């Protein structure tokens, strides 16, 4: 089914029609790209921001400034 440009009234090609006009190797690239986009979208949906670290260094706030605490945390992690 063709779609029409509302401004010009001209028939526009569908994605399927445009893909069919491509050589086989480019059709494969389109398929690979669509699969990539699908996987990328699925990864974003399933990944939530973790904040289980929040407040973990609370006991040190009176001993260190935020910069010193950041450096200490990197030392403790081995960075």
N, C-alpha and C. Protein backbone atom coordinates (compact mmCIF):
# COMPACT_ATOMS: atom_id res chain seq x y z
N UNK A 1 0.84 -1.18 0.00
CA UNK A 1 0.00 0.00 0.00
C UNK A 1 0.89 1.24 0.00
N UNK A 2 0.69 2.07 -0.97
CA UNK A 2 1.49 3.29 -1.07
C UNK A 2 0.94 4.37 -0.15
N UNK A 3 1.86 5.16 0.35
CA UNK A 3 1.46 6.31 1.15
C UNK A 3 1.61 7.53 0.27
N UNK A 4 0.89 8.57 0.63
CA UNK A 4 0.92 9.79 -0.18
C UNK A 4 1.40 10.96 0.65
N UNK A 5 2.21 11.79 0.01
CA UNK A 5 2.69 13.01 0.63
C UNK A 5 1.51 13.98 0.66
N UNK A 6 1.14 14.44 1.82
CA UNK A 6 -0.03 15.30 1.96
C UNK A 6 0.13 16.62 1.22
N UNK A 7 1.36 17.13 1.16
CA UNK A 7 1.56 18.43 0.51
C UNK A 7 1.52 18.33 -1.01
N UNK A 8 2.18 17.31 -1.56
CA UNK A 8 2.27 17.22 -3.02
C UNK A 8 1.27 16.25 -3.63
N UNK A 9 0.72 15.34 -2.82
CA UNK A 9 -0.21 14.35 -3.33
C UNK A 9 0.48 13.23 -4.09
N UNK A 10 1.82 13.23 -4.08
CA UNK A 10 2.57 12.21 -4.80
C UNK A 10 2.68 10.93 -3.96
N UNK A 11 2.70 9.82 -4.67
CA UNK A 11 2.87 8.53 -4.00
C UNK A 11 4.30 8.43 -3.48
N UNK A 12 4.42 7.93 -2.28
CA UNK A 12 5.74 7.73 -1.69
C UNK A 12 6.00 6.23 -1.59
N UNK A 13 7.24 5.84 -1.71
CA UNK A 13 7.59 4.43 -1.60
C UNK A 13 7.56 4.00 -0.14
N UNK A 14 7.15 2.78 0.08
CA UNK A 14 7.20 2.22 1.42
C UNK A 14 8.62 1.72 1.67
N UNK A 15 8.93 1.48 2.92
CA UNK A 15 10.26 0.95 3.26
C UNK A 15 10.50 -0.36 2.53
N UNK A 16 9.48 -1.21 2.52
CA UNK A 16 9.62 -2.51 1.85
C UNK A 16 9.98 -2.36 0.38
N UNK A 17 9.32 -1.41 -0.28
CA UNK A 17 9.60 -1.19 -1.70
C UNK A 17 11.04 -0.69 -1.89
N UNK A 18 11.45 0.19 -1.03
CA UNK A 18 12.81 0.73 -1.14
C UNK A 18 13.85 -0.36 -0.89
N UNK A 19 13.60 -1.22 0.08
CA UNK A 19 14.55 -2.30 0.39
C UNK A 19 14.63 -3.28 -0.77
N UNK A 20 13.49 -3.60 -1.37
CA UNK A 20 13.46 -4.55 -2.49
C UNK A 20 14.28 -4.05 -3.68
N UNK A 21 14.43 -2.74 -3.81
CA UNK A 21 15.19 -2.17 -4.92
C UNK A 21 16.70 -2.25 -4.69
N UNK A 22 17.10 -2.54 -3.46
CA UNK A 22 18.53 -2.61 -3.14
C UNK A 22 19.12 -3.94 -3.58
N UNK A 23 20.43 -3.96 -3.87
CA UNK A 23 21.10 -5.23 -4.13
C UNK A 23 21.07 -6.10 -2.87
N UNK A 24 21.22 -7.40 -3.05
CA UNK A 24 21.11 -8.37 -1.94
C UNK A 24 22.04 -8.03 -0.77
N UNK A 25 23.27 -7.61 -1.07
CA UNK A 25 24.22 -7.34 0.02
C UNK A 25 23.78 -6.13 0.86
N UNK A 26 23.16 -5.14 0.21
CA UNK A 26 22.66 -3.98 0.95
C UNK A 26 21.38 -4.33 1.71
N UNK A 27 20.58 -5.23 1.17
CA UNK A 27 19.41 -5.69 1.90
C UNK A 27 19.84 -6.37 3.20
N UNK A 28 20.93 -7.13 3.14
CA UNK A 28 21.46 -7.79 4.34
C UNK A 28 21.93 -6.75 5.35
N UNK A 29 22.56 -5.67 4.88
CA UNK A 29 22.99 -4.59 5.79
C UNK A 29 21.80 -3.94 6.47
N UNK A 30 20.72 -3.74 5.72
CA UNK A 30 19.51 -3.16 6.30
C UNK A 30 18.98 -4.09 7.39
N UNK A 31 18.94 -5.38 7.12
CA UNK A 31 18.48 -6.35 8.10
C UNK A 31 19.36 -6.33 9.34
N UNK A 32 20.66 -6.31 9.15
CA UNK A 32 21.60 -6.24 10.29
C UNK A 32 21.35 -4.99 11.12
N UNK A 33 21.13 -3.86 10.45
CA UNK A 33 20.91 -2.61 11.16
C UNK A 33 19.61 -2.65 11.96
N UNK A 34 18.56 -3.19 11.36
CA UNK A 34 17.28 -3.31 12.06
C UNK A 34 17.44 -4.20 13.29
N UNK A 35 18.16 -5.31 13.14
CA UNK A 35 18.40 -6.20 14.29
C UNK A 35 19.18 -5.46 15.38
N UNK A 36 20.18 -4.68 14.99
CA UNK A 36 20.95 -3.90 15.95
C UNK A 36 20.06 -2.92 16.71
N UNK A 37 19.20 -2.21 15.99
CA UNK A 37 18.31 -1.24 16.63
C UNK A 37 17.34 -1.94 17.58
N UNK A 38 16.85 -3.10 17.19
CA UNK A 38 15.94 -3.86 18.04
C UNK A 38 16.62 -4.28 19.33
N UNK A 39 17.84 -4.81 19.22
CA UNK A 39 18.60 -5.23 20.40
C UNK A 39 18.94 -4.04 21.29
N UNK A 40 19.33 -2.94 20.68
CA UNK A 40 19.67 -1.73 21.43
C UNK A 40 18.47 -1.23 22.23
N UNK A 41 17.32 -1.24 21.61
CA UNK A 41 16.10 -0.79 22.29
C UNK A 41 15.75 -1.72 23.45
N UNK A 42 15.91 -3.02 23.24
CA UNK A 42 15.60 -4.00 24.28
C UNK A 42 16.54 -3.83 25.47
N UNK A 43 17.81 -3.55 25.20
CA UNK A 43 18.78 -3.35 26.29
C UNK A 43 18.42 -2.13 27.11
N UNK A 44 18.03 -1.05 26.46
CA UNK A 44 17.69 0.18 27.17
C UNK A 44 16.47 -0.02 28.05
N UNK A 45 15.47 -0.75 27.55
CA UNK A 45 14.25 -0.96 28.32
C UNK A 45 14.52 -1.74 29.59
N UNK A 46 15.35 -2.76 29.49
CA UNK A 46 15.57 -3.64 30.63
C UNK A 46 16.55 -3.12 31.66
N UNK A 47 17.28 -2.09 31.33
CA UNK A 47 18.32 -1.61 32.22
C UNK A 47 17.84 -0.42 33.02
N UNK A 48 17.77 -0.59 34.32
CA UNK A 48 17.36 0.50 35.20
C UNK A 48 18.58 1.05 35.92
N UNK A 49 18.52 2.28 36.25
CA UNK A 49 19.59 2.92 36.97
C UNK A 49 19.68 2.35 38.38
N UNK A 50 20.84 1.84 38.72
CA UNK A 50 21.04 1.30 40.06
C UNK A 50 21.52 2.41 40.98
N UNK A 51 20.95 2.48 42.16
CA UNK A 51 21.39 3.46 43.13
C UNK A 51 21.59 2.81 44.49
N UNK A 52 21.93 1.53 44.47
CA UNK A 52 22.12 0.83 45.73
C UNK A 52 23.39 1.28 46.46
N UNK A 53 24.22 2.05 45.80
CA UNK A 53 25.45 2.57 46.40
C UNK A 53 25.18 3.84 47.22
N UNK A 54 24.05 4.48 47.01
CA UNK A 54 23.76 5.76 47.65
C UNK A 54 23.84 5.64 49.17
N UNK A 55 24.62 6.50 49.77
CA UNK A 55 24.76 6.53 51.23
C UNK A 55 25.74 5.52 51.78
N UNK A 56 26.42 4.77 50.92
CA UNK A 56 27.31 3.71 51.38
C UNK A 56 28.51 4.25 52.15
N UNK A 57 28.91 5.48 51.90
CA UNK A 57 30.08 6.06 52.57
C UNK A 57 29.67 7.12 53.60
N UNK A 58 28.46 7.08 54.01
CA UNK A 58 27.90 8.07 54.92
C UNK A 58 28.74 8.23 56.19
N UNK A 59 29.25 7.13 56.71
CA UNK A 59 29.99 7.17 57.98
C UNK A 59 31.28 8.00 57.89
N UNK A 60 31.74 8.26 56.66
CA UNK A 60 32.99 9.00 56.48
C UNK A 60 32.79 10.48 56.18
N UNK A 61 31.56 10.94 56.12
CA UNK A 61 31.33 12.31 55.66
C UNK A 61 31.92 13.37 56.58
N UNK A 62 32.07 13.07 57.87
CA UNK A 62 32.65 14.06 58.78
C UNK A 62 34.18 14.00 58.80
N UNK A 63 34.74 12.95 58.25
CA UNK A 63 36.19 12.79 58.24
C UNK A 63 36.85 13.31 56.97
N UNK A 64 36.11 13.32 55.86
CA UNK A 64 36.69 13.68 54.57
C UNK A 64 35.80 14.68 53.84
N UNK A 65 36.44 15.50 52.98
CA UNK A 65 35.66 16.33 52.06
C UNK A 65 35.16 15.41 50.95
N UNK A 66 34.26 15.89 50.12
CA UNK A 66 33.75 15.04 49.04
C UNK A 66 34.86 14.62 48.08
N UNK A 67 35.81 15.53 47.81
CA UNK A 67 36.92 15.20 46.92
C UNK A 67 37.82 14.15 47.56
N UNK A 68 38.14 14.32 48.83
CA UNK A 68 38.97 13.34 49.53
C UNK A 68 38.27 11.99 49.59
N UNK A 69 36.98 12.01 49.81
CA UNK A 69 36.20 10.78 49.87
C UNK A 69 36.17 10.08 48.52
N UNK A 70 36.08 10.86 47.47
CA UNK A 70 36.12 10.28 46.12
C UNK A 70 37.45 9.59 45.88
N UNK A 71 38.55 10.25 46.27
CA UNK A 71 39.88 9.65 46.11
C UNK A 71 40.03 8.39 46.95
N UNK A 72 39.53 8.43 48.19
CA UNK A 72 39.59 7.27 49.06
C UNK A 72 38.79 6.10 48.47
N UNK A 73 37.61 6.40 47.96
CA UNK A 73 36.79 5.35 47.36
C UNK A 73 37.52 4.69 46.19
N UNK A 74 38.22 5.49 45.40
CA UNK A 74 39.01 4.93 44.29
C UNK A 74 40.13 4.06 44.82
N UNK A 75 40.78 4.47 45.90
CA UNK A 75 41.83 3.64 46.51
C UNK A 75 41.25 2.31 46.99
N UNK A 76 40.12 2.38 47.68
CA UNK A 76 39.51 1.16 48.23
C UNK A 76 39.07 0.19 47.14
N UNK A 77 38.65 0.75 45.99
CA UNK A 77 38.23 -0.11 44.87
C UNK A 77 39.43 -0.64 44.09
N UNK A 78 40.59 -0.02 44.29
CA UNK A 78 41.77 -0.44 43.56
C UNK A 78 41.97 0.25 42.24
N UNK A 79 41.29 1.38 42.03
CA UNK A 79 41.43 2.13 40.77
C UNK A 79 42.71 2.92 40.74
